[in-house]
Amino acid sequence: MKRIPLILSLALLLLLPAIALYPMLHASAEKDGVDSSTAIQEAAPSEVAPSEVAPSEVAPSEAAPSEAAPLDSAVAAPAAPVAVSGSIDTDDFPLTDGQQQALHRYMTAYYTTLGDLTEASTDGVFCADDIAAYEQAVWRSIVAVRSAAREDLSLSTCTYTLTVTDISGGEDRLEVSLTEDNTQQFRGVPELSMQYGVLHTFLLRRNGDDNWQVADHDCDNGGFYGFVYDPETGTDARLAEMLTQLTQRHAQQGLTGRELSCSHPYDRTAAVSYLMQWVARRDPDWAAYDDYGGNCINFASQALYAGGIPMSDHWYWAGEEDYSYAWINVGGFTDWVTGDPSPLVCDPDAAYYTGHPGDLILMGIETARNHATTISSLVADEEGRTVDYLLCSNTDNLLNFPAGAYYYTNQRLIRIFGWE
């Protein structure tokens, strides 16, 4: 018999313990339902890429907006689904458990769609295909607009409170009027965004003992307001035009703005403080025009006045029925600032991304004369470049809401410098 060389003998002695342990390690892994190779990989934290950490585990302020991966990225880890929760206040108008569940199912499907920027299941939500198709067309169009933003406008969390204000109907049919307040955390925005007093009307129909579904829904808010339904595409008929507007707006990134001199600088801090104080309610020192076309530019005018801009013959408010058109109408305000706004010093044609807190963003779709908002803060990328604005407005009542999440895609910056 041949002798085994000394070196080979030593090698075998070193390998024998590992060979003996292998069956035990393999059996232990199989007992726990984990492949042994997987168990070894999971035991090495250094091999896990930072991008694989779930976004919900990272504080919003730690993620720069520019780091938000495109929705179709092949390398980024998928975001955790949005966490949607809510409650219904039925103290004055009681609803059955089934009726409340119908409302919760709708809100969950809606905010899951907006939160994940994808189409969520609507199983059990609607009682007819036509209302389901219309609602999904609205949701799909909102998702398309938000997906085109320069920051990540998916949601990590959304919490809503519904307050029932009226009910009517019979045994199998119930109309529910309610208001909605919500708090949303956009992934690409460090601040919480809040919305107050959204009006909804739901028509519920019974399908079973206490099983209710949505038969119709009306909401004059966001994408629902003035929606132009195209059943062939299942989207807003204006969506292509809206996405073109976004592309044109984004092309202004990097453009510089002109600086105008004035004797009295605009107090931006005072203007933004006024926004924060009154965005969810109405200042009793001024009339409100929510029931007369909206309170948006009236609120924006009040903020300008709080920032020191003096009234003039063409821009003033002296009472509920004594005011200039420029103070309470977006079109009137636009005509004023693009004409002779003296003593106001402003730039109504400023490059979009040159704004500052206290400046105005006017917006619409066909024209930017439908709604007025005021910038409360800037959203910047890791290099400090402005990629979006957080806005405050009345009618809709929105606090720190991203401009990129507004359904109005035709947006115009009005830079305010001060007055002479």
Protein backbone atom coordinates (compact mmCIF):
# COMPACT_ATOMS: atom_id res chain seq x y z
CA MET A 1 0.00 0.00 0.00
CA LYS A 2 1.28 3.45 -0.93
CA ARG A 3 1.91 5.97 1.76
CA ILE A 4 0.07 9.31 1.72
CA PRO A 5 2.52 12.22 1.56
CA LEU A 6 2.86 14.23 4.78
CA ILE A 7 1.49 17.46 3.26
CA LEU A 8 -1.63 15.70 1.95
CA SER A 9 -2.15 14.06 5.35
CA LEU A 10 -2.11 17.45 7.07
CA ALA A 11 -4.59 18.84 4.54
CA LEU A 12 -7.00 15.98 5.17
CA LEU A 13 -6.76 16.48 8.91
CA LEU A 14 -7.74 20.16 8.47
CA LEU A 15 -10.68 19.33 6.20
CA LEU A 16 -12.16 16.53 8.31
CA PRO A 17 -13.95 18.88 10.85
CA ALA A 18 -15.60 20.87 8.04
CA ILE A 19 -16.67 17.67 6.28
CA ALA A 20 -18.15 16.36 9.50
CA LEU A 21 -20.02 19.62 10.24
CA TYR A 22 -21.55 20.06 6.76
CA PRO A 23 -24.46 17.58 7.22
CA MET A 24 -25.42 19.23 10.53
CA LEU A 25 -25.36 22.74 9.06
CA HIS A 26 -27.34 21.64 6.01
CA ALA A 27 -29.92 19.78 8.15
CA SER A 28 -30.34 22.77 10.46
CA ALA A 29 -31.00 25.10 7.52
CA GLU A 30 -33.54 22.73 5.99
CA LYS A 31 -35.34 22.37 9.32
CA ASP A 32 -35.91 26.13 9.47
CA GLY A 33 -37.18 26.20 5.88
CA VAL A 34 -34.21 28.24 4.64
CA ASP A 35 -31.72 27.17 1.99
CA SER A 36 -28.25 27.04 3.49
CA SER A 37 -26.77 29.34 0.86
CA THR A 38 -29.51 31.92 1.52
CA ALA A 39 -28.93 31.74 5.25
CA ILE A 40 -25.25 32.48 4.77
CA GLN A 41 -25.98 35.48 2.50
CA GLU A 42 -28.46 36.98 4.98
CA ALA A 43 -25.91 36.62 7.75
CA ALA A 44 -23.54 39.04 5.99
CA PRO A 45 -24.88 42.62 6.35
CA SER A 46 -21.91 44.00 4.44
CA GLU A 47 -23.26 42.35 1.28
CA VAL A 48 -26.58 44.25 1.39
CA ALA A 49 -26.57 47.34 -0.81
CA PRO A 50 -27.84 50.60 0.79
CA SER A 51 -30.54 50.88 -1.88
CA GLU A 52 -32.13 47.70 -0.57
CA VAL A 53 -33.17 49.33 2.69
CA ALA A 54 -36.93 49.90 2.71
CA PRO A 55 -37.75 53.62 2.26
CA SER A 56 -40.17 53.43 5.19
CA GLU A 57 -37.16 52.81 7.45
CA VAL A 58 -35.48 56.07 6.44
CA ALA A 59 -36.52 59.43 7.85
CA PRO A 60 -37.95 61.67 5.09
CA SER A 61 -35.26 64.30 5.66
CA GLU A 62 -32.53 61.75 4.96
CA ALA A 63 -33.53 61.15 1.35
CA ALA A 64 -32.71 63.89 -1.13
CA PRO A 65 -35.47 64.46 -3.72
CA SER A 66 -33.00 63.92 -6.55
CA GLU A 67 -32.29 60.43 -5.24
CA ALA A 68 -35.83 59.27 -5.98
CA ALA A 69 -35.53 56.54 -8.60
CA PRO A 70 -37.67 56.57 -11.75
CA LEU A 71 -40.72 54.34 -11.57
CA ASP A 72 -39.37 52.04 -14.28
CA SER A 73 -35.88 51.74 -12.80
CA ALA A 74 -34.44 48.25 -13.12
CA VAL A 75 -31.88 48.67 -10.36
CA ALA A 76 -33.65 50.51 -7.54
CA ALA A 77 -35.25 48.50 -4.76
CA PRO A 78 -39.06 48.67 -4.87
CA ALA A 79 -40.59 51.13 -2.43
CA ALA A 80 -42.67 49.74 0.39
CA PRO A 81 -46.40 50.11 -0.32
CA VAL A 82 -48.03 53.26 1.00
CA ALA A 83 -49.55 52.87 4.46
CA VAL A 84 -53.14 54.14 4.30
CA SER A 85 -55.28 54.57 7.41
CA GLY A 86 -58.37 56.55 8.25
CA SER A 87 -61.36 57.16 10.46
CA ILE A 88 -64.96 58.26 9.98
CA ASP A 89 -66.77 60.66 12.31
CA THR A 90 -70.43 59.63 12.31
CA ASP A 91 -71.50 61.30 15.56
CA ASP A 92 -74.24 63.38 13.94
CA PHE A 93 -75.14 61.00 11.08
CA PRO A 94 -74.75 57.32 12.05
CA LEU A 95 -73.71 54.81 9.38
CA THR A 96 -73.77 51.02 9.55
CA ASP A 97 -70.53 49.08 9.64
CA GLY A 98 -71.10 48.02 6.02
CA GLN A 99 -71.63 51.60 4.87
CA GLN A 100 -68.46 52.74 6.64
CA GLN A 101 -66.50 49.86 5.14
CA ALA A 102 -67.64 50.92 1.65
CA LEU A 103 -66.17 54.38 2.26
CA HIS A 104 -62.94 52.96 3.69
CA ARG A 105 -62.54 50.62 0.71
CA TYR A 106 -62.86 53.56 -1.67
CA MET A 107 -60.38 55.77 0.21
CA THR A 108 -57.88 52.93 0.56
CA ALA A 109 -58.01 52.08 -3.16
CA TYR A 110 -57.72 55.78 -4.11
CA TYR A 111 -54.74 56.59 -1.89
CA THR A 112 -53.03 53.29 -2.65
CA THR A 113 -53.21 54.20 -6.34
CA LEU A 114 -51.82 57.69 -5.71
CA GLY A 115 -49.37 56.48 -3.07
CA ASP A 116 -47.78 53.72 -5.13
CA LEU A 117 -48.22 55.53 -8.47
CA THR A 118 -49.79 52.42 -9.91
CA GLU A 119 -53.25 50.95 -10.37
CA ALA A 120 -54.58 49.45 -7.17
CA SER A 121 -57.27 46.80 -7.00
CA THR A 122 -60.85 48.10 -6.84
CA ASP A 123 -62.42 44.72 -6.13
CA GLY A 124 -65.61 45.25 -4.16
CA VAL A 125 -65.39 49.05 -4.29
CA PHE A 126 -67.83 49.89 -7.09
CA CYS A 127 -71.17 48.34 -7.98
CA ALA A 128 -70.99 49.05 -11.73
CA ASP A 129 -68.31 48.97 -14.43
CA ASP A 130 -69.04 52.48 -15.73
CA ILE A 131 -68.38 54.26 -12.43
CA ALA A 132 -65.29 52.09 -11.87
CA ALA A 133 -63.94 53.01 -15.33
CA TYR A 134 -64.53 56.74 -14.78
CA GLU A 135 -62.93 56.80 -11.32
CA GLN A 136 -59.92 54.81 -12.50
CA ALA A 137 -59.50 57.23 -15.42
CA VAL A 138 -59.26 60.12 -12.93
CA TRP A 139 -56.82 58.22 -10.73
CA ARG A 140 -54.74 57.11 -13.73
CA SER A 141 -54.42 60.69 -14.96
CA ILE A 142 -53.33 61.98 -11.55
CA VAL A 143 -50.70 59.22 -11.39
CA ALA A 144 -49.40 60.19 -14.85
CA VAL A 145 -48.95 63.82 -13.77
CA ARG A 146 -47.23 62.96 -10.49
CA SER A 147 -45.00 60.35 -12.12
CA ALA A 148 -43.59 63.09 -14.36
CA ALA A 149 -42.43 65.25 -11.42
CA ARG A 150 -38.75 65.97 -10.79
CA GLU A 151 -38.98 64.55 -7.26
CA ASP A 152 -40.53 61.32 -5.98
CA LEU A 153 -44.23 62.05 -5.45
CA SER A 154 -45.19 58.58 -4.33
CA LEU A 155 -46.43 58.42 -0.73
CA SER A 156 -45.05 56.57 2.25
CA THR A 157 -48.07 57.31 4.45
CA CYS A 158 -51.53 58.83 4.16
CA THR A 159 -54.00 59.34 6.98
CA TYR A 160 -57.53 60.65 6.40
CA THR A 161 -60.48 61.69 8.54
CA LEU A 162 -63.97 61.74 7.05
CA THR A 163 -66.69 63.77 8.77
CA VAL A 164 -70.22 62.94 7.64
CA THR A 165 -72.29 66.10 7.19
CA ASP A 166 -75.53 64.69 5.75
CA ILE A 167 -77.18 61.42 4.73
CA SER A 168 -80.35 60.71 2.75
CA GLY A 169 -81.94 57.72 1.07
CA GLY A 170 -83.72 54.50 1.78
CA GLU A 171 -83.11 50.87 2.59
CA ASP A 172 -81.00 49.98 -0.45
CA ARG A 173 -79.65 53.39 -1.48
CA LEU A 174 -77.85 56.02 0.60
CA GLU A 175 -76.34 59.38 -0.33
CA VAL A 176 -73.55 60.43 2.00
CA SER A 177 -72.11 63.95 2.08
CA LEU A 178 -68.85 64.39 3.97
CA THR A 179 -65.68 66.43 4.32
CA GLU A 180 -62.18 65.00 4.28
CA ASP A 181 -59.02 66.13 6.04
CA ASN A 182 -55.81 64.27 5.26
CA THR A 183 -52.09 64.21 5.98
CA GLN A 184 -49.73 62.88 3.33
CA GLN A 185 -46.02 62.15 3.37
CA PHE A 186 -44.56 62.39 -0.13
CA ARG A 187 -41.35 60.39 -0.36
CA GLY A 188 -39.41 63.16 -2.11
CA VAL A 189 -40.55 65.92 0.29
CA PRO A 190 -39.30 66.26 3.89
CA GLU A 191 -42.36 68.11 5.21
CA LEU A 192 -45.82 66.67 5.75
CA SER A 193 -48.48 67.90 3.32
CA MET A 194 -51.98 68.54 4.62
CA GLN A 195 -55.36 69.04 3.02
CA TYR A 196 -58.47 70.36 4.72
CA GLY A 197 -62.20 70.33 4.05
CA VAL A 198 -62.37 68.34 0.79
CA LEU A 199 -66.05 67.92 -0.14
CA HIS A 200 -67.30 64.50 -1.25
CA THR A 201 -70.72 63.10 -2.08
CA PHE A 202 -71.02 59.31 -2.31
CA LEU A 203 -74.00 57.33 -3.53
CA LEU A 204 -73.93 53.89 -1.89
CA ARG A 205 -76.01 50.89 -2.93
CA ARG A 206 -76.65 47.78 -0.89
CA ASN A 207 -75.53 44.45 -2.29
CA GLY A 208 -76.38 41.89 0.37
CA ASP A 209 -77.23 42.13 4.06
CA ASP A 210 -74.89 44.98 5.04
CA ASN A 211 -72.59 44.98 2.04
CA TRP A 212 -72.49 48.38 0.34
CA GLN A 213 -70.65 49.61 -2.74
CA VAL A 214 -70.06 52.98 -4.41
CA ALA A 215 -72.57 53.68 -7.18
CA ASP A 216 -71.51 57.29 -7.79
CA HIS A 217 -69.05 59.82 -6.44
CA ASP A 218 -68.75 63.59 -6.81
CA CYS A 219 -65.76 65.67 -5.72
CA ASP A 220 -64.78 69.16 -6.87
CA ASN A 221 -61.14 68.74 -5.93
CA GLY A 222 -57.84 68.11 -7.69
CA GLY A 223 -58.11 65.85 -10.70
CA PHE A 224 -61.86 65.43 -10.23
CA TYR A 225 -62.54 69.13 -10.83
CA GLY A 226 -63.33 69.75 -14.48
CA PHE A 227 -62.12 66.30 -15.51
CA VAL A 228 -62.55 65.65 -19.25
CA TYR A 229 -63.15 61.92 -19.61
CA ASP A 230 -61.88 60.09 -22.68
CA PRO A 231 -63.30 56.53 -22.50
CA GLU A 232 -61.09 55.36 -25.36
CA THR A 233 -57.82 56.11 -23.55
CA GLY A 234 -59.21 55.75 -20.04
CA THR A 235 -57.61 59.09 -19.09
CA ASP A 236 -58.22 62.82 -19.16
CA ALA A 237 -58.63 63.90 -22.79
CA ARG A 238 -56.11 66.70 -22.11
CA LEU A 239 -53.44 64.45 -20.60
CA ALA A 240 -51.01 64.64 -23.55
CA GLU A 241 -51.20 68.44 -23.45
CA MET A 242 -50.68 68.42 -19.70
CA LEU A 243 -47.59 66.24 -19.91
CA THR A 244 -46.19 68.54 -22.61
CA GLN A 245 -46.69 71.47 -20.24
CA LEU A 246 -44.70 69.61 -17.60
CA THR A 247 -41.87 68.98 -20.07
CA GLN A 248 -41.79 72.65 -21.01
CA ARG A 249 -41.75 73.64 -17.35
CA HIS A 250 -38.91 71.26 -16.51
CA ALA A 251 -36.90 72.66 -19.43
CA GLN A 252 -36.62 75.93 -17.46
CA GLN A 253 -34.39 74.21 -14.90
CA GLY A 254 -31.11 76.12 -14.69
CA LEU A 255 -32.42 79.39 -16.12
CA THR A 256 -31.52 82.43 -14.04
CA GLY A 257 -33.93 85.15 -13.07
CA ARG A 258 -33.54 88.89 -13.12
CA GLU A 259 -33.33 90.84 -9.88
CA LEU A 260 -35.41 94.01 -9.69
CA SER A 261 -34.62 96.85 -7.31
CA CYS A 262 -37.21 98.52 -5.10
CA SER A 263 -37.31 100.99 -2.23
CA HIS A 264 -39.15 98.64 0.13
CA PRO A 265 -38.34 94.90 0.07
CA TYR A 266 -41.09 92.34 0.41
CA ASP A 267 -41.26 90.74 3.88
CA ARG A 268 -41.37 87.08 2.84
CA THR A 269 -41.20 85.80 6.39
CA ALA A 270 -44.33 87.73 7.38
CA ALA A 271 -46.18 86.56 4.27
CA VAL A 272 -45.36 82.88 4.89
CA SER A 273 -46.30 83.21 8.57
CA TYR A 274 -49.69 84.49 7.51
CA LEU A 275 -50.10 81.51 5.17
CA MET A 276 -49.36 79.04 7.94
CA GLN A 277 -51.78 80.71 10.33
CA TRP A 278 -54.80 80.89 8.04
CA VAL A 279 -54.49 78.18 5.37
CA ALA A 280 -56.99 75.87 7.10
CA ARG A 281 -59.43 78.56 8.20
CA ARG A 282 -60.55 82.06 7.31
CA ASP A 283 -59.24 85.30 8.81
CA PRO A 284 -62.30 87.10 10.26
CA ASP A 285 -60.77 90.47 9.33
CA TRP A 286 -61.46 89.67 5.67
CA ALA A 287 -64.44 88.37 3.73
CA ALA A 288 -64.21 84.87 2.25
CA TYR A 289 -65.32 84.07 -1.29
CA ASP A 290 -65.36 80.25 -1.23
CA ASP A 291 -68.97 80.22 -2.39
CA TYR A 292 -68.34 82.77 -5.15
CA GLY A 293 -65.78 81.02 -7.31
CA GLY A 294 -63.12 80.36 -4.68
CA ASN A 295 -61.00 82.10 -2.06
CA CYS A 296 -57.57 81.36 -3.57
CA ILE A 297 -56.45 84.76 -4.85
CA ASN A 298 -58.17 86.55 -1.96
CA PHE A 299 -55.98 84.49 0.39
CA ALA A 300 -52.87 85.10 -1.73
CA SER A 301 -53.62 88.85 -1.76
CA GLN A 302 -53.94 88.82 2.02
CA ALA A 303 -50.50 87.17 2.28
CA LEU A 304 -48.97 89.82 0.00
CA TYR A 305 -50.53 92.52 2.16
CA ALA A 306 -49.17 90.80 5.30
CA GLY A 307 -45.74 90.93 3.63
CA GLY A 308 -46.00 94.72 3.37
CA ILE A 309 -47.30 95.23 -0.18
CA PRO A 310 -49.56 98.32 0.03
CA MET A 311 -52.97 98.53 -1.60
CA SER A 312 -53.44 100.70 -4.66
CA ASP A 313 -56.25 101.96 -6.85
CA HIS A 314 -56.11 98.75 -8.87
CA TRP A 315 -55.46 96.25 -6.09
CA TYR A 316 -57.42 96.75 -2.88
CA TRP A 317 -60.02 95.36 -0.51
CA ALA A 318 -62.17 97.68 1.62
CA GLY A 319 -65.14 95.45 2.43
CA GLU A 320 -67.09 92.38 1.38
CA GLU A 321 -68.54 94.21 -1.61
CA ASP A 322 -65.89 96.91 -1.99
CA TYR A 323 -62.81 95.50 -3.70
CA SER A 324 -60.86 95.54 -6.93
CA TYR A 325 -61.13 92.70 -9.43
CA ALA A 326 -57.39 92.12 -9.10
CA TRP A 327 -57.75 91.32 -5.39
CA ILE A 328 -60.35 88.55 -5.68
CA ASN A 329 -60.01 87.16 -9.22
CA VAL A 330 -57.02 85.26 -10.65
CA GLY A 331 -57.55 86.63 -14.14
CA GLY A 332 -57.88 90.16 -12.78
CA PHE A 333 -54.71 89.73 -10.73
CA THR A 334 -52.85 88.41 -13.79
CA ASP A 335 -53.93 91.39 -15.88
CA TRP A 336 -52.78 93.74 -13.12
CA VAL A 337 -49.28 92.29 -12.63
CA THR A 338 -48.67 91.96 -16.39
CA GLY A 339 -49.76 95.56 -16.98
CA ASP A 340 -48.79 98.42 -14.67
CA PRO A 341 -48.81 97.02 -11.11
CA SER A 342 -47.27 100.13 -9.55
CA PRO A 343 -46.37 100.45 -6.69
CA LEU A 344 -45.78 96.65 -6.69
CA VAL A 345 -42.40 95.58 -8.09
CA CYS A 346 -42.66 92.07 -9.52
CA ASP A 347 -41.64 89.86 -12.42
CA PRO A 348 -44.70 88.14 -13.93
CA ASP A 349 -42.56 86.30 -16.49
CA ALA A 350 -39.90 84.87 -14.20
CA ALA A 351 -38.17 81.58 -15.06
CA TYR A 352 -40.14 78.90 -13.23
CA TYR A 353 -37.44 77.59 -10.88
CA THR A 354 -36.24 81.02 -9.65
CA GLY A 355 -38.97 81.48 -7.04
CA HIS A 356 -38.71 82.08 -3.30
CA PRO A 357 -41.09 81.67 -0.35
CA GLY A 358 -43.83 84.28 -0.60
CA ASP A 359 -43.86 84.35 -4.41
CA LEU A 360 -47.02 83.29 -6.23
CA ILE A 361 -47.69 80.36 -8.56
CA LEU A 362 -50.74 80.87 -10.78
CA MET A 363 -52.06 77.78 -12.52
CA GLY A 364 -54.65 76.04 -14.67
CA ILE A 365 -54.61 73.70 -17.66
CA GLU A 366 -55.73 75.61 -20.75
CA THR A 367 -54.46 78.81 -19.11
CA ALA A 368 -52.71 79.71 -15.84
CA ARG A 369 -55.62 81.92 -14.76
CA ASN A 370 -57.72 79.44 -12.80
CA HIS A 371 -56.04 79.10 -9.42
CA ALA A 372 -53.59 81.01 -7.21
CA THR A 373 -51.14 79.59 -4.66
CA THR A 374 -48.26 80.97 -2.62
CA ILE A 375 -44.85 79.32 -2.13
CA SER A 376 -44.20 78.30 1.47
CA SER A 377 -40.80 76.62 0.90
CA LEU A 378 -38.52 75.12 -1.75
CA VAL A 379 -37.81 71.49 -2.60
CA ALA A 380 -34.15 71.13 -3.58
CA ASP A 381 -31.98 68.31 -4.85
CA GLU A 382 -28.68 67.27 -3.26
CA GLU A 383 -26.86 69.98 -5.20
CA GLY A 384 -29.18 72.68 -3.84
CA ARG A 385 -31.09 73.23 -7.07
CA THR A 386 -34.81 73.92 -6.79
CA VAL A 387 -36.77 71.03 -8.28
CA ASP A 388 -40.22 71.94 -6.93
CA TYR A 389 -42.12 74.18 -4.53
CA LEU A 390 -44.31 73.52 -1.53
CA LEU A 391 -47.45 75.63 -1.80
CA CYS A 392 -50.24 76.91 0.40
CA SER A 393 -53.67 77.78 -0.94
CA ASN A 394 -57.36 78.20 -0.21
CA THR A 395 -60.10 76.45 -2.16
CA ASP A 396 -58.46 73.88 -2.15
CA ASN A 397 -57.12 74.28 1.38
CA LEU A 398 -53.61 72.87 1.09
CA LEU A 399 -50.60 73.23 3.38
CA ASN A 400 -47.07 72.50 2.07
CA PHE A 401 -48.41 70.68 -0.96
CA PRO A 402 -45.96 70.02 -3.82
CA ALA A 403 -46.56 72.07 -6.96
CA GLY A 404 -45.75 68.93 -8.94
CA ALA A 405 -48.67 67.11 -7.29
CA TYR A 406 -51.21 69.74 -8.36
CA TYR A 407 -53.37 68.56 -11.24
CA TYR A 408 -53.08 72.02 -12.80
CA THR A 409 -49.96 71.61 -14.97
CA ASN A 410 -49.92 75.04 -16.63
CA GLN A 411 -48.10 77.01 -13.93
CA ARG A 412 -46.72 80.53 -13.90
CA LEU A 413 -44.33 82.02 -11.35
CA ILE A 414 -44.90 85.60 -10.21
CA ARG A 415 -41.79 86.84 -8.40
CA ILE A 416 -42.44 89.53 -5.80
CA PHE A 417 -39.63 91.95 -4.92
CA GLY A 418 -41.35 94.72 -2.97
CA TRP A 419 -42.79 98.14 -3.70
CA GLU A 420 -41.90 101.74 -4.44
